[in-house]
Amino acid sequence: MEKDELSGLLKIGLTKGEAKVYIALSTIGSSTVGPIVKKSGVAYSNVYDILSRLVDKGIVSFVLKNKTKHFQAASPSNLVDYLDKREEEVKEQKDLLKNILPVLEKLQESKQGQGAEVFLGKKGLRSAYERLYSDIDKEDELVFFYVHKEEYAEGSNLFYNSISEITHQAKNRGICNKDYKNSWFAKKANFLKIRFSDIPLPGSIDIIRDKVLITIWDKSVFSVLIHSEVLADSLRDYFEKIWKMAKP
């Protein structure tokens, strides 16, 4: 029977890990992480990230008991709400894409060596980062702006923690808004050279060589990787001006 349930959950858009964890919680009821790992067969190193995603999707909840999280599968009717939410997110993504299509088309029509790629969701964003860091040298430096907002902070922190093996490949400097100082990932990621600024930042943008990655963190993640030496150089110049005014 669980195979049918797993297949059904995969068809509505859950990952295999998410489906296994949801089925495990539906079977065992309120639980700490250990029994969930044992019942679902999901690796312990992945289960927190999976549970966080399921909580974000509204199909798993948790309560704190003696400072320990106990997770609970939401009512199956919440899966309908999840699908409705996905439909809204897809519509939002289509609207965003329509708005930037003219810009992307102009980039592709411009001189050789320039272009843009669009990525949707966190899996897409990981692919974008893999492209961003491809073909780099040890001497290359990535500079970035990051705008921290509490509504997507946990998802963002978990994502950047999950791609640390990619971002370790190059030297880096970053400018963030001051709210990011209290983020657990900012405190943990001592390989990041960060300064903080009160000056409004242009967005969450990574620049390395002739590549610019623009990421929109919202209910759904939307990112654009642009190959443009002119744009990269312009943003780097702006970064250097803000870097001089920003503080550790």
C-alpha atoms as a PDB file:
ATOM      1  CA  MET A   1       0.000   0.000   0.000  1.00  0.00           C
ATOM      2  CA  GLU A   2       2.858   2.409   0.857  1.00  0.00           C
ATOM      3  CA  LYS A   3       4.166   2.057  -2.712  1.00  0.00           C
ATOM      4  CA  ASP A   4       0.870   3.447  -4.031  1.00  0.00           C
ATOM      5  CA  GLU A   5       1.004   6.294  -1.504  1.00  0.00           C
ATOM      6  CA  LEU A   6       4.609   7.036  -2.439  1.00  0.00           C
ATOM      7  CA  SER A   7       3.771   7.072  -6.143  1.00  0.00           C
ATOM      8  CA  GLY A   8       0.816   9.394  -5.565  1.00  0.00           C
ATOM      9  CA  LEU A   9       2.852  11.867  -3.523  1.00  0.00           C
ATOM     10  CA  LEU A  10       5.602  11.914  -6.152  1.00  0.00           C
ATOM     11  CA  LYS A  11       3.017  12.741  -8.814  1.00  0.00           C
ATOM     12  CA  ILE A  12       1.800  15.820  -6.912  1.00  0.00           C
ATOM     13  CA  GLY A  13       5.310  17.239  -6.749  1.00  0.00           C
ATOM     14  CA  LEU A  14       6.938  15.947  -3.561  1.00  0.00           C
ATOM     15  CA  THR A  15      10.475  14.617  -3.792  1.00  0.00           C
ATOM     16  CA  LYS A  16      11.069  10.963  -2.926  1.00  0.00           C
ATOM     17  CA  GLY A  17      12.579  11.957   0.419  1.00  0.00           C
ATOM     18  CA  GLU A  18       9.676  14.271   1.238  1.00  0.00           C
ATOM     19  CA  ALA A  19       7.146  11.567   0.347  1.00  0.00           C
ATOM     20  CA  LYS A  20       8.920   8.948   2.494  1.00  0.00           C
ATOM     21  CA  VAL A  21       9.097  11.274   5.499  1.00  0.00           C
ATOM     22  CA  TYR A  22       5.430  12.299   5.162  1.00  0.00           C
ATOM     23  CA  ILE A  23       4.325   8.646   4.952  1.00  0.00           C
ATOM     24  CA  ALA A  24       6.521   7.766   7.945  1.00  0.00           C
ATOM     25  CA  LEU A  25       4.989  10.564  10.027  1.00  0.00           C
ATOM     26  CA  SER A  26       1.473   9.579   8.944  1.00  0.00           C
ATOM     27  CA  THR A  27       2.227   6.051  10.171  1.00  0.00           C
ATOM     28  CA  ILE A  28       3.982   6.735  13.482  1.00  0.00           C
ATOM     29  CA  GLY A  29       2.298   9.981  14.508  1.00  0.00           C
ATOM     30  CA  SER A  30       4.031  12.745  16.450  1.00  0.00           C
ATOM     31  CA  SER A  31       7.725  11.966  16.569  1.00  0.00           C
ATOM     32  CA  THR A  32      11.250  13.220  17.091  1.00  0.00           C
ATOM     33  CA  VAL A  33      13.789  12.860  14.295  1.00  0.00           C
ATOM     34  CA  GLY A  34      15.223   9.445  15.241  1.00  0.00           C
ATOM     35  CA  PRO A  35      12.094   7.341  14.621  1.00  0.00           C
ATOM     36  CA  ILE A  36      11.382   9.300  11.433  1.00  0.00           C
ATOM     37  CA  VAL A  37      14.809   8.364  10.051  1.00  0.00           C
ATOM     38  CA  LYS A  38      14.315   4.714  11.025  1.00  0.00           C
ATOM     39  CA  LYS A  39      10.811   4.438   9.535  1.00  0.00           C
ATOM     40  CA  SER A  40      11.417   6.434   6.343  1.00  0.00           C
ATOM     41  CA  GLY A  41      14.900   5.156   5.472  1.00  0.00           C
ATOM     42  CA  VAL A  42      16.001   8.740   4.752  1.00  0.00           C
ATOM     43  CA  ALA A  43      19.578   9.593   5.748  1.00  0.00           C
ATOM     44  CA  TYR A  44      19.911  11.463   9.052  1.00  0.00           C
ATOM     45  CA  SER A  45      22.009  14.135   7.311  1.00  0.00           C
ATOM     46  CA  ASN A  46      19.074  14.944   4.988  1.00  0.00           C
ATOM     47  CA  VAL A  47      16.075  14.630   7.264  1.00  0.00           C
ATOM     48  CA  TYR A  48      16.200  18.125   8.818  1.00  0.00           C
ATOM     49  CA  ASP A  49      16.278  19.772   5.401  1.00  0.00           C
ATOM     50  CA  ILE A  50      13.376  17.576   4.234  1.00  0.00           C
ATOM     51  CA  LEU A  51      11.315  18.312   7.354  1.00  0.00           C
ATOM     52  CA  SER A  52      11.948  22.042   6.944  1.00  0.00           C
ATOM     53  CA  ARG A  53      10.669  21.891   3.358  1.00  0.00           C
ATOM     54  CA  LEU A  54       7.563  19.950   4.421  1.00  0.00           C
ATOM     55  CA  VAL A  55       6.858  22.504   7.167  1.00  0.00           C
ATOM     56  CA  ASP A  56       7.214  25.300   4.581  1.00  0.00           C
ATOM     57  CA  LYS A  57       4.723  23.458   2.371  1.00  0.00           C
ATOM     58  CA  GLY A  58       2.232  23.272   5.225  1.00  0.00           C
ATOM     59  CA  ILE A  59       1.974  19.480   5.281  1.00  0.00           C
ATOM     60  CA  VAL A  60       4.063  18.886   8.412  1.00  0.00           C
ATOM     61  CA  SER A  61       3.989  20.812  11.684  1.00  0.00           C
ATOM     62  CA  PHE A  62       5.996  20.621  14.896  1.00  0.00           C
ATOM     63  CA  VAL A  63       5.796  21.486  18.585  1.00  0.00           C
ATOM     64  CA  LEU A  64       8.578  21.969  21.119  1.00  0.00           C
ATOM     65  CA  LYS A  65       8.553  19.596  24.079  1.00  0.00           C
ATOM     66  CA  ASN A  66      11.398  20.092  26.541  1.00  0.00           C
ATOM     67  CA  LYS A  67      13.260  22.054  23.845  1.00  0.00           C
ATOM     68  CA  THR A  68      13.003  19.115  21.401  1.00  0.00           C
ATOM     69  CA  LYS A  69      11.023  19.321  18.172  1.00  0.00           C
ATOM     70  CA  HIS A  70       8.248  16.762  17.731  1.00  0.00           C
ATOM     71  CA  PHE A  71       6.995  16.587  14.148  1.00  0.00           C
ATOM     72  CA  GLN A  72       3.471  15.703  13.052  1.00  0.00           C
ATOM     73  CA  ALA A  73       2.008  15.006   9.596  1.00  0.00           C
ATOM     74  CA  ALA A  74      -0.758  17.472   8.794  1.00  0.00           C
ATOM     75  CA  SER A  75      -4.200  16.312   7.696  1.00  0.00           C
ATOM     76  CA  PRO A  76      -4.216  14.816   4.173  1.00  0.00           C
ATOM     77  CA  SER A  77      -6.602  17.627   3.204  1.00  0.00           C
ATOM     78  CA  ASN A  78      -3.621  19.975   3.553  1.00  0.00           C
ATOM     79  CA  LEU A  79      -2.190  18.311   0.452  1.00  0.00           C
ATOM     80  CA  VAL A  80      -5.003  19.951  -1.514  1.00  0.00           C
ATOM     81  CA  ASP A  81      -3.977  23.311  -0.050  1.00  0.00           C
ATOM     82  CA  TYR A  82      -0.397  22.512  -1.041  1.00  0.00           C
ATOM     83  CA  LEU A  83      -1.448  21.874  -4.647  1.00  0.00           C
ATOM     84  CA  ASP A  84      -3.443  25.115  -4.698  1.00  0.00           C
ATOM     85  CA  LYS A  85      -0.364  26.946  -3.427  1.00  0.00           C
ATOM     86  CA  ARG A  86       1.804  25.332  -6.110  1.00  0.00           C
ATOM     87  CA  GLU A  87      -0.635  26.478  -8.794  1.00  0.00           C
ATOM     88  CA  GLU A  88      -0.396  30.038  -7.453  1.00  0.00           C
ATOM     89  CA  GLU A  89       3.422  29.859  -7.391  1.00  0.00           C
ATOM     90  CA  VAL A  90       3.559  28.566 -10.970  1.00  0.00           C
ATOM     91  CA  LYS A  91       1.309  31.452 -12.035  1.00  0.00           C
ATOM     92  CA  GLU A  92       3.599  33.924 -10.210  1.00  0.00           C
ATOM     93  CA  GLN A  93       6.666  32.386 -11.878  1.00  0.00           C
ATOM     94  CA  LYS A  94       5.016  32.656 -15.300  1.00  0.00           C
ATOM     95  CA  ASP A  95       4.172  36.302 -14.634  1.00  0.00           C
ATOM     96  CA  LEU A  96       7.760  37.001 -13.533  1.00  0.00           C
ATOM     97  CA  LEU A  97       9.098  35.260 -16.608  1.00  0.00           C
ATOM     98  CA  LYS A  98       6.820  37.275 -18.884  1.00  0.00           C
ATOM     99  CA  ASN A  99       8.128  40.481 -17.297  1.00  0.00           C
ATOM    100  CA  ILE A 100      11.790  39.671 -17.881  1.00  0.00           C
ATOM    101  CA  LEU A 101      11.419  37.932 -21.258  1.00  0.00           C
ATOM    102  CA  PRO A 102      12.062  41.142 -23.227  1.00  0.00           C
ATOM    103  CA  VAL A 103      15.314  41.679 -21.292  1.00  0.00           C
ATOM    104  CA  LEU A 104      16.421  38.087 -21.821  1.00  0.00           C
ATOM    105  CA  GLU A 105      15.593  38.226 -25.525  1.00  0.00           C
ATOM    106  CA  LYS A 106      17.642  41.410 -25.942  1.00  0.00           C
ATOM    107  CA  LEU A 107      20.569  39.759 -24.165  1.00  0.00           C
ATOM    108  CA  GLN A 108      20.443  36.781 -26.510  1.00  0.00           C
ATOM    109  CA  GLU A 109      20.243  39.083 -29.512  1.00  0.00           C
ATOM    110  CA  SER A 110      23.248  41.112 -28.335  1.00  0.00           C
ATOM    111  CA  LYS A 111      26.877  40.483 -29.171  1.00  0.00           C
ATOM    112  CA  GLN A 112      28.327  36.963 -28.998  1.00  0.00           C
ATOM    113  CA  GLY A 113      29.311  35.815 -25.533  1.00  0.00           C
ATOM    114  CA  GLN A 114      26.251  37.259 -23.797  1.00  0.00           C
ATOM    115  CA  GLY A 115      23.100  35.424 -22.822  1.00  0.00           C
ATOM    116  CA  ALA A 116      20.897  34.391 -19.923  1.00  0.00           C
ATOM    117  CA  GLU A 117      19.406  31.269 -18.347  1.00  0.00           C
ATOM    118  CA  VAL A 118      16.366  31.057 -16.065  1.00  0.00           C
ATOM    119  CA  PHE A 119      16.151  28.596 -13.148  1.00  0.00           C
ATOM    120  CA  LEU A 120      13.107  27.777 -11.010  1.00  0.00           C
ATOM    121  CA  GLY A 121      13.075  26.410  -7.458  1.00  0.00           C
ATOM    122  CA  LYS A 122      15.919  25.426  -5.157  1.00  0.00           C
ATOM    123  CA  LYS A 123      17.018  22.545  -7.388  1.00  0.00           C
ATOM    124  CA  GLY A 124      17.229  25.003 -10.240  1.00  0.00           C
ATOM    125  CA  LEU A 125      19.175  27.432  -8.076  1.00  0.00           C
ATOM    126  CA  ARG A 126      21.683  24.714  -7.215  1.00  0.00           C
ATOM    127  CA  SER A 127      22.152  24.081 -10.944  1.00  0.00           C
ATOM    128  CA  ALA A 128      22.640  27.822 -11.426  1.00  0.00           C
ATOM    129  CA  TYR A 129      25.397  27.867  -8.801  1.00  0.00           C
ATOM    130  CA  GLU A 130      27.072  24.877 -10.427  1.00  0.00           C
ATOM    131  CA  ARG A 131      27.099  26.839 -13.708  1.00  0.00           C
ATOM    132  CA  LEU A 132      28.278  29.980 -11.941  1.00  0.00           C
ATOM    133  CA  TYR A 133      31.305  28.213 -10.461  1.00  0.00           C
ATOM    134  CA  SER A 134      32.165  26.175 -13.552  1.00  0.00           C
ATOM    135  CA  ASP A 135      35.442  26.943 -15.350  1.00  0.00           C
ATOM    136  CA  ILE A 136      36.832  29.137 -12.567  1.00  0.00           C
ATOM    137  CA  ASP A 137      40.473  29.478 -11.515  1.00  0.00           C
ATOM    138  CA  LYS A 138      41.912  29.567  -8.005  1.00  0.00           C
ATOM    139  CA  GLU A 139      42.630  33.262  -8.423  1.00  0.00           C
ATOM    140  CA  ASP A 140      39.020  34.138  -9.301  1.00  0.00           C
ATOM    141  CA  GLU A 141      36.981  35.955  -6.672  1.00  0.00           C
ATOM    142  CA  LEU A 142      33.228  35.879  -6.241  1.00  0.00           C
ATOM    143  CA  VAL A 143      31.633  39.048  -4.888  1.00  0.00           C
ATOM    144  CA  PHE A 144      28.028  39.118  -3.799  1.00  0.00           C
ATOM    145  CA  PHE A 145      25.175  41.157  -2.408  1.00  0.00           C
ATOM    146  CA  TYR A 146      22.653  39.395  -0.178  1.00  0.00           C
ATOM    147  CA  VAL A 147      19.407  40.865   1.154  1.00  0.00           C
ATOM    148  CA  HIS A 148      18.263  38.957   4.248  1.00  0.00           C
ATOM    149  CA  LYS A 149      14.538  38.796   5.039  1.00  0.00           C
ATOM    150  CA  GLU A 150      13.043  36.784   7.894  1.00  0.00           C
ATOM    151  CA  GLU A 151      10.184  35.339   5.822  1.00  0.00           C
ATOM    152  CA  TYR A 152      12.563  33.236   3.729  1.00  0.00           C
ATOM    153  CA  ALA A 153      15.601  33.191   6.054  1.00  0.00           C
ATOM    154  CA  GLU A 154      15.428  29.555   7.154  1.00  0.00           C
ATOM    155  CA  GLY A 155      14.967  28.193   3.646  1.00  0.00           C
ATOM    156  CA  SER A 156      17.797  30.392   2.385  1.00  0.00           C
ATOM    157  CA  ASN A 157      20.129  29.389   5.234  1.00  0.00           C
ATOM    158  CA  LEU A 158      19.474  25.695   4.694  1.00  0.00           C
ATOM    159  CA  PHE A 159      20.020  26.058   0.957  1.00  0.00           C
ATOM    160  CA  TYR A 160      23.346  27.897   1.221  1.00  0.00           C
ATOM    161  CA  ASN A 161      24.502  25.439   3.873  1.00  0.00           C
ATOM    162  CA  SER A 162      23.700  22.584   1.460  1.00  0.00           C
ATOM    163  CA  ILE A 163      25.870  24.036  -1.348  1.00  0.00           C
ATOM    164  CA  SER A 164      28.933  24.856   0.778  1.00  0.00           C
ATOM    165  CA  GLU A 165      31.028  22.377  -1.203  1.00  0.00           C
ATOM    166  CA  ILE A 166      30.339  24.468  -4.317  1.00  0.00           C
ATOM    167  CA  THR A 167      30.905  27.916  -2.805  1.00  0.00           C
ATOM    168  CA  HIS A 168      34.206  26.863  -1.207  1.00  0.00           C
ATOM    169  CA  GLN A 169      35.748  26.736  -4.678  1.00  0.00           C
ATOM    170  CA  ALA A 170      36.566  30.444  -4.930  1.00  0.00           C
ATOM    171  CA  LYS A 171      37.656  33.368  -2.799  1.00  0.00           C
ATOM    172  CA  ASN A 172      34.762  35.581  -1.828  1.00  0.00           C
ATOM    173  CA  ARG A 173      33.614  38.896  -0.417  1.00  0.00           C
ATOM    174  CA  GLY A 174      30.029  39.796   0.315  1.00  0.00           C
ATOM    175  CA  ILE A 175      27.901  42.744   1.410  1.00  0.00           C
ATOM    176  CA  CYS A 176      24.687  42.037   3.322  1.00  0.00           C
ATOM    177  CA  ASN A 177      22.054  44.050   5.143  1.00  0.00           C
ATOM    178  CA  LYS A 178      22.547  44.224   8.907  1.00  0.00           C
ATOM    179  CA  ASP A 179      19.647  41.855   9.662  1.00  0.00           C
ATOM    180  CA  TYR A 180      21.863  39.025   8.403  1.00  0.00           C
ATOM    181  CA  LYS A 181      24.236  39.391  11.389  1.00  0.00           C
ATOM    182  CA  ASN A 182      21.914  37.315  13.583  1.00  0.00           C
ATOM    183  CA  SER A 183      21.513  34.510  11.028  1.00  0.00           C
ATOM    184  CA  TRP A 184      22.849  31.138  12.200  1.00  0.00           C
ATOM    185  CA  PHE A 185      24.412  30.505   8.802  1.00  0.00           C
ATOM    186  CA  ALA A 186      26.226  33.860   8.793  1.00  0.00           C
ATOM    187  CA  LYS A 187      27.697  32.980  12.191  1.00  0.00           C
ATOM    188  CA  LYS A 188      28.647  29.464  11.084  1.00  0.00           C
ATOM    189  CA  ALA A 189      30.041  30.231   7.618  1.00  0.00           C
ATOM    190  CA  ASN A 190      33.430  31.604   8.646  1.00  0.00           C
ATOM    191  CA  PHE A 191      34.711  31.011   5.105  1.00  0.00           C
ATOM    192  CA  LEU A 192      32.574  33.947   3.958  1.00  0.00           C
ATOM    193  CA  LYS A 193      34.135  37.419   4.135  1.00  0.00           C
ATOM    194  CA  ILE A 194      31.120  39.584   4.880  1.00  0.00           C
ATOM    195  CA  ARG A 195      30.579  43.252   5.561  1.00  0.00           C
ATOM    196  CA  PHE A 196      27.272  44.856   6.475  1.00  0.00           C
ATOM    197  CA  SER A 197      25.688  48.011   5.143  1.00  0.00           C
ATOM    198  CA  ASP A 198      22.729  50.290   5.829  1.00  0.00           C
ATOM    199  CA  ILE A 199      22.735  51.368   2.202  1.00  0.00           C
ATOM    200  CA  PRO A 200      19.886  49.711   0.239  1.00  0.00           C
ATOM    201  CA  LEU A 201      21.372  46.819  -1.726  1.00  0.00           C
ATOM    202  CA  PRO A 202      20.365  45.999  -5.315  1.00  0.00           C
ATOM    203  CA  GLY A 203      19.203  42.479  -4.400  1.00  0.00           C
ATOM    204  CA  SER A 204      20.713  39.023  -3.931  1.00  0.00           C
ATOM    205  CA  ILE A 205      23.356  38.990  -6.643  1.00  0.00           C
ATOM    206  CA  ASP A 206      26.536  36.929  -7.186  1.00  0.00           C
ATOM    207  CA  ILE A 207      29.245  38.093  -9.596  1.00  0.00           C
ATOM    208  CA  ILE A 208      32.272  36.136 -10.807  1.00  0.00           C
ATOM    209  CA  ARG A 209      34.244  36.617 -14.012  1.00  0.00           C
ATOM    210  CA  ASP A 210      31.661  37.492 -16.711  1.00  0.00           C
ATOM    211  CA  LYS A 211      28.738  35.818 -14.896  1.00  0.00           C
ATOM    212  CA  VAL A 212      25.996  37.417 -12.814  1.00  0.00           C
ATOM    213  CA  LEU A 213      23.465  35.357 -10.844  1.00  0.00           C
ATOM    214  CA  ILE A 214      20.351  37.219  -9.690  1.00  0.00           C
ATOM    215  CA  THR A 215      18.216  35.342  -7.143  1.00  0.00           C
ATOM    216  CA  ILE A 216      14.715  36.260  -6.034  1.00  0.00           C
ATOM    217  CA  TRP A 217      13.888  34.664  -2.674  1.00  0.00           C
ATOM    218  CA  ASP A 218      10.134  34.584  -2.162  1.00  0.00           C
ATOM    219  CA  LYS A 219       7.418  31.940  -1.771  1.00  0.00           C
ATOM    220  CA  SER A 220       9.095  30.312  -4.736  1.00  0.00           C
ATOM    221  CA  VAL A 221      12.740  30.751  -5.729  1.00  0.00           C
ATOM    222  CA  PHE A 222      13.448  32.338  -9.087  1.00  0.00           C
ATOM    223  CA  SER A 223      16.959  32.960 -10.465  1.00  0.00           C
ATOM    224  CA  VAL A 224      18.584  34.244 -13.639  1.00  0.00           C
ATOM    225  CA  LEU A 225      22.185  33.548 -14.655  1.00  0.00           C
ATOM    226  CA  ILE A 226      23.431  36.225 -17.040  1.00  0.00           C
ATOM    227  CA  HIS A 227      26.628  35.975 -19.082  1.00  0.00           C
ATOM    228  CA  SER A 228      27.700  39.561 -19.681  1.00  0.00           C
ATOM    229  CA  GLU A 229      31.140  41.041 -19.109  1.00  0.00           C
ATOM    230  CA  VAL A 230      29.714  44.576 -19.248  1.00  0.00           C
ATOM    231  CA  LEU A 231      27.077  43.871 -16.574  1.00  0.00           C
ATOM    232  CA  ALA A 232      29.536  41.920 -14.374  1.00  0.00           C
ATOM    233  CA  ASP A 233      32.119  44.724 -14.497  1.00  0.00           C
ATOM    234  CA  SER A 234      29.491  47.374 -13.753  1.00  0.00           C
ATOM    235  CA  LEU A 235      28.189  45.484 -10.703  1.00  0.00           C
ATOM    236  CA  ARG A 236      31.743  44.809  -9.495  1.00  0.00           C
ATOM    237  CA  ASP A 237      32.511  48.534  -9.636  1.00  0.00           C
ATOM    238  CA  TYR A 238      29.374  49.257  -7.589  1.00  0.00           C
ATOM    239  CA  PHE A 239      30.313  46.500  -5.138  1.00  0.00           C
ATOM    240  CA  GLU A 240      33.769  48.020  -4.543  1.00  0.00           C
ATOM    241  CA  LYS A 241      32.246  51.419  -3.750  1.00  0.00           C
ATOM    242  CA  ILE A 242      29.844  49.923  -1.183  1.00  0.00           C
ATOM    243  CA  TRP A 243      32.576  47.628   0.232  1.00  0.00           C
ATOM    244  CA  LYS A 244      34.666  50.634   1.249  1.00  0.00           C
ATOM    245  CA  MET A 245      31.726  52.069   3.240  1.00  0.00           C
ATOM    246  CA  ALA A 246      30.442  48.783   4.704  1.00  0.00           C
ATOM    247  CA  LYS A 247      31.525  47.526   8.131  1.00  0.00           C
ATOM    248  CA  PRO A 248      32.466  44.018   9.391  1.00  0.00           C
END
